Amino acid sequence: MACANTTTSANLLALDHYPPPLLAAIVSECPNICRNVYGLGNTDLTGIGVVISSGVQIALAVLYWVGVFVAGTAVPAFYPAASGLKIVAWLRGNHQTCLWSQLVFSLTLSLAGLVRQSRPGGVYESSAIINSVATAFICLLLTMISFYESVVRWVLFTVGFLATVACALGAVVMPMRTAKMENVLQACRDYAAENNMPWRAAAVSPFHAGGLWEVFLSIGFVVLLSCMWLFLWQMGRSERALSGPRIPHNRRTKQLLIILMCLISLFMVWVAVDSFQGTLLERRGMDLVWDGQTGENAWGIGQIGALFTWVPLLIDLAWSGVHDIRQQLAGRAQEDAQPKDVSLEHLL
């Protein structure tokens, strides 16, 4: 087969039915087959600005998960004396803004990923979308499970969250249900490993049936974590209505729920970080396969705009932090300015 005949989707699909030894020989003779299968990627979804925004999203999600859920909810459930940390109060003061920022970014990325997955594209683009959408949605979930107050415009938030769930699920499951050219992908991986190609670490693995089960297992954890959060949130409302945990077994139930939520959410943190690393690896692979022609690191309008998703939250965090410090300094100055009792009785 001439290498010129391996550029169209129909020819590439026909190659996938060849015997593995013959397919390996064809890929060795025509390495551009791997380029055509991988595709150019998508600079809108995996560009430098979106990737930096995803990194900021993970950092904020982990910060609120550790600072509010672990330090502000989990630890005080077992050790009430550990409540009242200043960092918890600082983060809770801006939790509403963080939650909405996470929702907007996750919904935008999931919707864009769903639209792109419905159109023919390269394997790199499809895989990067799956990783990016998974990262964004898990960060939204981690921020949400540490929030136990009333959400402003909760109807709008609920609609946005359900839309994010639907778009994220479609963007992740759709390419797995229509997986093609798996034999060609394996031949490209073997070719990259045997010839020590620079992009061998980023060679896309062929889809396997267990991958879909892993996705549904993660979805099950997401549903379970969301249900436990709702139950814990409702329990907190009941306790506030009763002015405290009046029933002893409620405290034991709450502690058990928190332990399970900590374990599941810790797994979710690992999945988010691993997915983000996968996105970085695929971006590196695209850059190496196409010799820097993909434009992944070009600063376009969309890449610059993606960074401004977190500007309101970062400004609020900085402003509230400075305000708290100024209040503490003013309080100390006021205490120092108060006249001290220097009478003889006080000295004695």
Protein backbone atom coordinates (compact mmCIF):
# COMPACT_ATOMS: atom_id res chain seq x y z
CA MET A 1 0.00 0.00 0.00
CA ALA A 2 1.34 3.45 -0.95
CA CYS A 3 1.81 5.85 1.95
CA ALA A 4 -0.24 8.46 0.08
CA ASN A 5 -3.28 6.21 0.41
CA THR A 6 -3.22 6.28 4.22
CA THR A 7 -4.41 9.85 4.77
CA THR A 8 -8.19 9.46 4.61
CA SER A 9 -10.40 8.11 7.39
CA ALA A 10 -11.74 5.33 5.14
CA ASN A 11 -8.24 4.03 4.37
CA LEU A 12 -7.21 4.22 8.01
CA LEU A 13 -10.29 2.25 9.04
CA ALA A 14 -9.48 -0.36 6.40
CA LEU A 15 -5.96 -0.68 7.84
CA ASP A 16 -7.40 -1.57 11.22
CA HIS A 17 -8.60 -4.91 9.82
CA TYR A 18 -5.16 -5.99 8.61
CA PRO A 19 -3.27 -8.76 10.44
CA PRO A 20 -1.01 -7.31 13.16
CA PRO A 21 2.31 -8.34 11.48
CA LEU A 22 1.28 -6.75 8.18
CA LEU A 23 -0.06 -3.67 9.94
CA ALA A 24 3.19 -3.26 11.88
CA ALA A 25 5.16 -3.45 8.62
CA ILE A 26 2.94 -0.81 6.99
CA VAL A 27 3.29 1.54 9.96
CA SER A 28 7.09 1.12 9.90
CA GLU A 29 7.11 1.95 6.21
CA CYS A 30 4.62 4.83 6.54
CA PRO A 31 5.04 6.41 10.01
CA ASN A 32 2.82 9.30 8.95
CA ILE A 33 -0.08 6.93 9.60
CA CYS A 34 0.39 7.67 13.30
CA ARG A 35 0.22 11.40 12.63
CA ASN A 36 -3.01 11.00 10.70
CA VAL A 37 -4.58 8.87 13.42
CA TYR A 38 -3.47 11.11 16.27
CA GLY A 39 -4.54 14.33 14.57
CA LEU A 40 -3.51 17.89 15.28
CA GLY A 41 -5.35 18.13 18.58
CA ASN A 42 -7.42 21.16 19.52
CA THR A 43 -5.72 24.33 20.70
CA ASP A 44 -9.03 25.70 22.02
CA LEU A 45 -9.42 22.93 24.60
CA THR A 46 -5.79 22.05 25.35
CA GLY A 47 -4.07 25.37 24.72
CA ILE A 48 -1.71 26.97 27.18
CA GLY A 49 -4.36 29.26 28.72
CA VAL A 50 -6.89 26.49 29.32
CA VAL A 51 -4.21 24.22 30.79
CA ILE A 52 -3.05 26.94 33.20
CA SER A 53 -6.69 27.56 34.16
CA SER A 54 -7.13 23.84 34.81
CA GLY A 55 -4.05 23.90 37.04
CA VAL A 56 -5.50 26.85 38.99
CA GLN A 57 -8.81 24.97 39.23
CA ILE A 58 -7.12 21.91 40.76
CA ALA A 59 -5.16 24.06 43.21
CA LEU A 60 -8.33 25.86 44.37
CA ALA A 61 -10.33 22.64 44.62
CA VAL A 62 -7.65 20.96 46.73
CA LEU A 63 -7.27 24.10 48.85
CA TYR A 64 -10.98 24.22 49.65
CA TRP A 65 -11.19 20.47 50.11
CA VAL A 66 -8.34 20.46 52.64
CA GLY A 67 -9.05 23.83 54.23
CA VAL A 68 -12.85 23.62 54.51
CA PHE A 69 -13.93 19.99 54.27
CA VAL A 70 -11.04 18.32 56.10
CA ALA A 71 -10.02 21.07 58.53
CA GLY A 72 -13.44 22.70 58.90
CA THR A 73 -15.81 19.72 58.79
CA ALA A 74 -14.06 16.36 59.17
CA VAL A 75 -11.64 17.17 62.00
CA PRO A 76 -14.18 19.08 64.17
CA ALA A 77 -16.61 16.17 63.83
CA PHE A 78 -14.16 14.08 65.89
CA TYR A 79 -12.39 16.86 67.82
CA PRO A 80 -14.78 19.80 68.39
CA ALA A 81 -11.98 21.81 70.02
CA ALA A 82 -10.22 21.99 66.62
CA SER A 83 -12.97 24.16 65.11
CA GLY A 84 -12.64 27.90 64.57
CA LEU A 85 -9.44 28.01 62.52
CA LYS A 86 -8.83 31.36 60.83
CA ILE A 87 -7.98 29.82 57.47
CA VAL A 88 -11.31 27.98 57.48
CA ALA A 89 -13.19 31.23 58.11
CA TRP A 90 -11.16 32.96 55.38
CA LEU A 91 -11.97 30.29 52.81
CA ARG A 92 -15.63 30.02 53.79
CA GLY A 93 -16.03 33.75 53.30
CA ASN A 94 -15.31 33.25 49.57
CA HIS A 95 -16.68 29.75 49.14
CA GLN A 96 -19.76 30.91 47.25
CA THR A 97 -17.64 32.71 44.64
CA CYS A 98 -15.37 29.67 44.28
CA LEU A 99 -18.33 27.35 43.79
CA TRP A 100 -19.81 29.48 41.01
CA SER A 101 -16.43 29.93 39.33
CA GLN A 102 -15.91 26.16 39.35
CA LEU A 103 -19.38 25.64 37.87
CA VAL A 104 -18.88 28.16 35.06
CA PHE A 105 -15.48 26.77 34.07
CA SER A 106 -16.61 23.13 34.27
CA LEU A 107 -19.81 23.74 32.32
CA THR A 108 -17.99 25.67 29.61
CA LEU A 109 -15.30 23.03 29.20
CA SER A 110 -17.75 20.11 29.31
CA LEU A 111 -20.08 21.69 26.75
CA ALA A 112 -17.20 22.50 24.41
CA GLY A 113 -15.85 18.96 24.82
CA LEU A 114 -19.26 17.43 24.04
CA VAL A 115 -19.60 19.50 20.87
CA ARG A 116 -16.12 18.52 19.69
CA GLN A 117 -16.61 14.84 20.49
CA SER A 118 -19.71 14.77 18.28
CA ARG A 119 -17.53 15.67 15.29
CA PRO A 120 -14.77 13.58 13.70
CA GLY A 121 -11.37 14.38 15.15
CA GLY A 122 -8.02 12.87 16.02
CA VAL A 123 -7.30 10.51 18.87
CA TYR A 124 -5.18 13.08 20.70
CA GLU A 125 -8.02 15.58 20.72
CA SER A 126 -10.54 13.03 21.95
CA SER A 127 -8.27 11.72 24.71
CA ALA A 128 -7.32 15.23 25.85
CA ILE A 129 -10.99 16.20 26.04
CA ILE A 130 -11.75 13.20 28.25
CA ASN A 131 -8.93 14.10 30.64
CA SER A 132 -9.77 17.82 30.71
CA VAL A 133 -13.48 17.27 31.31
CA ALA A 134 -12.80 14.70 34.04
CA THR A 135 -10.44 17.10 35.78
CA ALA A 136 -12.87 20.01 35.63
CA PHE A 137 -15.89 18.08 36.89
CA ILE A 138 -14.05 16.43 39.78
CA CYS A 139 -12.73 19.81 40.89
CA LEU A 140 -16.30 21.14 40.88
CA LEU A 141 -17.42 18.14 42.96
CA LEU A 142 -14.59 18.57 45.49
CA THR A 143 -15.52 22.22 45.95
CA MET A 144 -19.20 21.38 46.30
CA ILE A 145 -18.87 18.67 48.97
CA SER A 146 -17.16 21.14 51.31
CA PHE A 147 -20.02 23.65 51.02
CA TYR A 148 -22.83 23.38 53.60
CA GLU A 149 -24.52 26.77 53.37
CA SER A 150 -27.43 27.93 51.22
CA VAL A 151 -26.39 28.46 47.60
CA VAL A 152 -27.31 31.85 46.18
CA ARG A 153 -29.72 31.34 43.25
CA TRP A 154 -29.81 27.64 44.02
CA VAL A 155 -32.27 26.86 41.20
CA LEU A 156 -29.90 28.30 38.61
CA PHE A 157 -26.99 26.49 40.23
CA THR A 158 -28.88 23.16 40.19
CA VAL A 159 -29.75 23.55 36.51
CA GLY A 160 -26.13 24.44 35.70
CA PHE A 161 -24.81 21.51 37.71
CA LEU A 162 -27.15 19.01 36.04
CA ALA A 163 -26.19 20.41 32.62
CA THR A 164 -22.53 20.00 33.53
CA VAL A 165 -23.14 16.38 34.56
CA ALA A 166 -24.91 15.62 31.27
CA CYS A 167 -22.27 17.32 29.09
CA ALA A 168 -19.36 15.78 30.98
CA LEU A 169 -20.87 12.31 30.80
CA GLY A 170 -21.47 12.66 27.07
CA ALA A 171 -17.98 13.99 26.39
CA VAL A 172 -16.36 11.09 28.25
CA VAL A 173 -18.55 8.15 27.19
CA MET A 174 -19.22 9.08 23.56
CA PRO A 175 -15.73 8.35 22.13
CA MET A 176 -15.47 5.15 24.14
CA ARG A 177 -18.69 3.78 22.68
CA THR A 178 -17.46 4.49 19.14
CA ALA A 179 -13.83 3.47 19.58
CA LYS A 180 -12.12 2.71 16.24
CA MET A 181 -8.64 2.03 14.84
CA GLU A 182 -7.52 0.25 17.99
CA ASN A 183 -5.14 -2.04 16.06
CA VAL A 184 -3.57 0.97 14.33
CA LEU A 185 -3.05 2.66 17.71
CA GLN A 186 -1.33 -0.45 19.06
CA ALA A 187 0.88 -0.62 15.97
CA CYS A 188 1.87 3.03 16.50
CA ARG A 189 2.72 2.33 20.15
CA ASP A 190 4.88 -0.62 19.13
CA TYR A 191 6.56 1.44 16.41
CA ALA A 192 7.34 4.28 18.86
CA ALA A 193 8.77 1.86 21.44
CA GLU A 194 10.87 -0.17 18.97
CA ASN A 195 12.34 2.92 17.32
CA ASN A 196 12.72 4.92 20.55
CA MET A 197 10.67 7.82 19.18
CA PRO A 198 10.59 11.05 21.24
CA TRP A 199 6.80 10.79 21.56
CA ARG A 200 6.76 7.16 22.74
CA ALA A 201 5.68 8.12 26.28
CA ALA A 202 2.68 9.99 24.87
CA ALA A 203 1.60 7.29 22.40
CA VAL A 204 -2.13 6.76 22.92
CA SER A 205 -3.09 3.32 24.19
CA PRO A 206 -5.87 1.45 22.38
CA PHE A 207 -9.21 1.42 24.10
CA HIS A 208 -10.03 -1.72 26.06
CA ALA A 209 -13.34 -2.95 27.41
CA GLY A 210 -12.18 -2.45 30.99
CA GLY A 211 -11.84 1.27 30.34
CA LEU A 212 -15.60 1.69 30.14
CA TRP A 213 -16.04 -0.15 33.44
CA GLU A 214 -13.49 2.19 35.03
CA VAL A 215 -15.52 5.14 33.83
CA PHE A 216 -18.76 3.74 35.23
CA LEU A 217 -17.01 2.90 38.52
CA SER A 218 -15.86 6.52 38.79
CA ILE A 219 -19.39 7.68 37.97
CA GLY A 220 -20.68 5.44 40.75
CA PHE A 221 -18.27 7.06 43.20
CA VAL A 222 -19.41 10.50 42.04
CA VAL A 223 -23.07 9.62 42.63
CA LEU A 224 -22.29 8.07 46.02
CA LEU A 225 -20.23 11.07 47.12
CA SER A 226 -22.96 13.48 46.00
CA CYS A 227 -25.64 11.54 47.89
CA MET A 228 -23.57 11.46 51.08
CA TRP A 229 -22.94 15.19 50.77
CA LEU A 230 -26.66 15.86 50.42
CA PHE A 231 -27.41 13.67 53.43
CA LEU A 232 -24.72 15.40 55.50
CA TRP A 233 -25.96 18.82 54.38
CA GLN A 234 -29.51 17.94 55.43
CA MET A 235 -28.24 16.59 58.74
CA GLY A 236 -26.44 19.87 59.37
CA ARG A 237 -29.63 21.82 58.71
CA SER A 238 -31.50 19.66 61.19
CA GLU A 239 -28.80 20.13 63.83
CA ARG A 240 -28.87 23.89 63.39
CA ALA A 241 -32.64 23.84 63.78
CA LEU A 242 -32.24 21.93 67.04
CA SER A 243 -29.35 24.19 68.17
CA GLY A 244 -26.84 21.34 68.13
CA PRO A 245 -26.56 17.56 67.70
CA ARG A 246 -29.16 16.42 70.23
CA ILE A 247 -29.25 12.75 69.26
CA PRO A 248 -26.05 10.73 69.99
CA HIS A 249 -26.45 8.30 67.09
CA ASN A 250 -26.62 11.26 64.68
CA ARG A 251 -23.04 12.09 65.60
CA ARG A 252 -21.89 8.54 64.93
CA THR A 253 -23.69 8.55 61.58
CA LYS A 254 -22.09 11.87 60.70
CA GLN A 255 -18.63 10.59 61.60
CA LEU A 256 -19.11 7.47 59.49
CA LEU A 257 -20.29 9.54 56.53
CA ILE A 258 -17.31 11.87 56.86
CA ILE A 259 -14.85 8.96 56.94
CA LEU A 260 -16.36 7.49 53.76
CA MET A 261 -16.42 10.89 52.07
CA CYS A 262 -12.77 11.49 52.96
CA LEU A 263 -11.75 8.17 51.41
CA ILE A 264 -13.78 8.63 48.22
CA SER A 265 -12.83 12.28 47.79
CA LEU A 266 -9.15 11.39 48.30
CA PHE A 267 -9.51 8.94 45.42
CA MET A 268 -11.16 11.70 43.38
CA VAL A 269 -8.24 14.04 44.06
CA TRP A 270 -5.91 11.38 42.69
CA VAL A 271 -8.11 10.93 39.59
CA ALA A 272 -8.17 14.69 38.95
CA VAL A 273 -4.39 15.05 39.26
CA ASP A 274 -3.82 11.94 37.13
CA SER A 275 -6.18 13.24 34.42
CA PHE A 276 -4.41 16.60 34.43
CA GLN A 277 -1.06 14.87 34.04
CA GLY A 278 -2.56 12.92 31.14
CA THR A 279 -3.54 16.18 29.45
CA LEU A 280 -0.01 17.54 29.86
CA LEU A 281 1.45 14.32 28.47
CA GLU A 282 -0.83 14.41 25.43
CA ARG A 283 0.03 18.06 24.76
CA ARG A 284 3.69 17.10 24.86
CA GLY A 285 3.02 14.19 22.54
CA MET A 286 1.19 16.37 20.01
CA ASP A 287 4.05 18.84 20.05
CA LEU A 288 6.63 16.11 19.40
CA VAL A 289 4.63 14.20 16.78
CA TRP A 290 3.97 17.36 14.76
CA ASP A 291 7.32 19.08 15.47
CA GLY A 292 5.70 22.03 17.21
CA GLN A 293 3.19 22.76 14.42
CA THR A 294 0.05 22.35 16.53
CA GLY A 295 0.17 25.79 18.16
CA GLU A 296 -0.63 24.44 21.63
CA ASN A 297 1.44 27.17 23.27
CA ALA A 298 0.07 30.09 21.23
CA TRP A 299 -1.73 32.79 23.22
CA GLY A 300 -5.01 33.41 21.40
CA ILE A 301 -8.08 35.30 22.54
CA GLY A 302 -9.66 32.16 24.00
CA GLN A 303 -6.51 31.23 25.91
CA ILE A 304 -6.23 34.68 27.45
CA GLY A 305 -9.95 34.74 28.25
CA ALA A 306 -9.74 31.35 30.01
CA LEU A 307 -7.43 32.81 32.64
CA PHE A 308 -9.98 35.45 33.65
CA THR A 309 -12.38 32.78 34.92
CA TRP A 310 -10.62 32.84 38.27
CA VAL A 311 -9.93 36.58 38.55
CA PRO A 312 -13.03 37.43 40.67
CA LEU A 313 -12.28 34.63 43.14
CA LEU A 314 -8.58 35.44 43.43
CA ILE A 315 -9.39 39.12 43.99
CA ASP A 316 -11.92 38.21 46.69
CA LEU A 317 -9.44 35.90 48.41
CA ALA A 318 -6.69 38.53 48.35
CA TRP A 319 -9.01 41.34 49.48
CA SER A 320 -10.51 39.37 52.37
CA GLY A 321 -7.05 38.23 53.45
CA VAL A 322 -5.72 41.78 53.51
CA HIS A 323 -8.89 42.98 55.28
CA ASP A 324 -8.51 40.35 58.02
CA ILE A 325 -4.84 41.25 58.54
CA ARG A 326 -5.70 44.96 58.77
CA GLN A 327 -8.41 44.22 61.32
CA GLN A 328 -5.99 42.21 63.44
CA LEU A 329 -3.39 44.98 63.30
CA ALA A 330 -6.01 47.61 64.17
CA GLY A 331 -7.18 45.51 67.12
CA ARG A 332 -3.63 45.17 68.45
CA ALA A 333 -3.01 48.90 68.02
CA GLN A 334 -6.19 49.66 69.93
CA GLU A 335 -5.13 47.36 72.76
CA ASP A 336 -1.69 49.02 72.93
CA ALA A 337 -3.28 52.47 72.98
CA GLN A 338 -5.44 51.72 76.02
CA PRO A 339 -4.05 53.25 79.28
CA LYS A 340 -2.50 50.68 81.57
CA ASP A 341 -3.02 50.55 85.32
CA VAL A 342 0.29 51.57 86.89
CA SER A 343 -1.01 52.18 90.43
CA LEU A 344 0.93 50.97 93.44
CA GLU A 345 -1.66 48.28 94.16
CA HIS A 346 -1.31 46.93 90.61
CA LEU A 347 2.46 46.83 90.91
CA LEU A 348 2.27 45.00 94.24
